[in-house]
């Protein structure tokens, strides 16, 4: 990651690939653990988990990164024109951060 700034193109592509292939087993285990057993959370791989809700009625809702969308973006980036799209994405991220 660039010092004090956004990660470079290669780092973003690696991260997208990792998310597209992330295992969701630990997120499911998290949903099954009672809250008092959450002491080992730092050992769980929760990269793909984007949202976790536990309702008062016991209903658990897990949301994950959209793998299909990530793979589409990676395919675009692998294409010659994909480099331009990644650059536009990075510029948009920089604008949001300002």
Protein backbone atom coordinates (compact mmCIF):
# COMPACT_ATOMS: atom_id res chain seq x y z
CA UNK A 1 0.00 0.00 0.00
CA UNK A 2 1.30 3.42 -0.89
CA UNK A 3 2.37 5.34 2.18
CA UNK A 4 -0.42 7.67 3.30
CA UNK A 5 -2.54 6.94 0.23
CA UNK A 6 -4.60 4.38 -1.56
CA UNK A 7 -3.21 0.96 -2.48
CA UNK A 8 -1.81 0.52 -5.96
CA UNK A 9 -3.54 -1.25 -8.83
CA UNK A 10 -1.80 -4.58 -8.23
CA UNK A 11 -2.68 -4.57 -4.52
CA UNK A 12 -6.33 -3.85 -5.30
CA UNK A 13 -6.46 -6.65 -7.86
CA UNK A 14 -4.87 -9.08 -5.38
CA UNK A 15 -7.40 -8.07 -2.73
CA UNK A 16 -10.30 -8.48 -5.15
CA UNK A 17 -9.01 -11.96 -6.09
CA UNK A 18 -8.69 -12.89 -2.41
CA UNK A 19 -12.26 -11.73 -1.70
CA UNK A 20 -13.62 -13.54 -4.75
CA UNK A 21 -12.10 -16.77 -3.39
CA UNK A 22 -12.65 -16.18 0.33
CA UNK A 23 -13.95 -19.01 2.46
CA UNK A 24 -17.17 -18.24 4.31
CA UNK A 25 -16.89 -21.10 6.80
CA UNK A 26 -15.59 -18.89 9.60
CA UNK A 27 -18.50 -16.47 9.14
CA UNK A 28 -20.93 -19.36 9.49
CA UNK A 29 -19.07 -20.52 12.61
CA UNK A 30 -19.35 -16.98 13.99
CA UNK A 31 -23.10 -17.13 13.53
CA UNK A 32 -23.22 -20.42 15.44
CA UNK A 33 -21.02 -19.34 18.38
CA UNK A 34 -22.79 -17.97 21.41
CA UNK A 35 -21.61 -14.41 22.14
CA UNK A 36 -19.72 -15.53 25.26
CA UNK A 37 -17.48 -17.71 23.03
CA UNK A 38 -16.45 -14.85 20.72
CA UNK A 39 -13.03 -14.55 22.38
CA UNK A 40 -11.24 -16.14 19.39
CA UNK A 41 -12.62 -13.74 16.78
CA UNK A 42 -9.19 -12.47 15.75
CA UNK A 43 -8.39 -15.96 14.44
CA UNK A 44 -11.43 -16.07 12.13
CA UNK A 45 -11.15 -15.20 8.44
CA UNK A 46 -14.07 -12.81 7.97
CA UNK A 47 -12.83 -10.96 4.88
CA UNK A 48 -15.82 -11.93 2.74
CA UNK A 49 -18.34 -10.96 5.45
CA UNK A 50 -19.81 -7.52 4.78
CA UNK A 51 -22.68 -7.54 7.29
CA UNK A 52 -23.64 -9.53 10.38
CA UNK A 53 -26.95 -9.10 12.19
CA UNK A 54 -28.37 -11.05 15.07
CA UNK A 55 -31.96 -10.10 15.78
CA UNK A 56 -33.61 -10.19 19.17
CA UNK A 57 -35.77 -13.04 17.89
CA UNK A 58 -32.65 -15.15 17.21
CA UNK A 59 -32.62 -14.67 13.44
CA UNK A 60 -29.10 -14.32 12.07
CA UNK A 61 -28.37 -12.54 8.81
CA UNK A 62 -25.02 -12.78 7.04
CA UNK A 63 -24.11 -10.83 3.92
CA UNK A 64 -21.03 -11.51 1.86
CA UNK A 65 -19.00 -9.78 -0.83
CA UNK A 66 -20.54 -10.23 -4.28
CA UNK A 67 -18.18 -12.77 -5.85
CA UNK A 68 -19.71 -12.55 -9.31
CA UNK A 69 -19.25 -8.79 -9.40
CA UNK A 70 -15.67 -9.07 -8.15
CA UNK A 71 -14.87 -11.63 -10.83
CA UNK A 72 -16.45 -9.43 -13.50
CA UNK A 73 -14.29 -6.53 -12.39
CA UNK A 74 -11.19 -8.73 -12.40
CA UNK A 75 -12.01 -9.94 -15.89
CA UNK A 76 -12.37 -6.35 -17.02
CA UNK A 77 -9.06 -5.48 -15.39
CA UNK A 78 -7.34 -8.41 -17.09
CA UNK A 79 -8.50 -7.07 -20.45
CA UNK A 80 -6.51 -4.22 -22.01
CA UNK A 81 -9.41 -1.84 -21.49
CA UNK A 82 -9.66 -3.04 -17.88
CA UNK A 83 -6.63 -1.02 -16.89
CA UNK A 84 -8.49 2.17 -17.75
CA UNK A 85 -11.50 0.99 -15.73
CA UNK A 86 -9.31 0.26 -12.70
CA UNK A 87 -7.79 3.73 -13.03
CA UNK A 88 -11.29 5.26 -13.12
CA UNK A 89 -12.23 3.19 -10.07
CA UNK A 90 -9.15 4.44 -8.18
CA UNK A 91 -9.92 8.05 -9.10
CA UNK A 92 -13.49 7.61 -7.87
CA UNK A 93 -12.20 6.17 -4.58
CA UNK A 94 -9.83 9.13 -4.16
CA UNK A 95 -12.70 11.57 -4.77
CA UNK A 96 -14.86 9.83 -2.17
CA UNK A 97 -12.01 10.05 0.35
CA UNK A 98 -11.69 13.82 -0.04
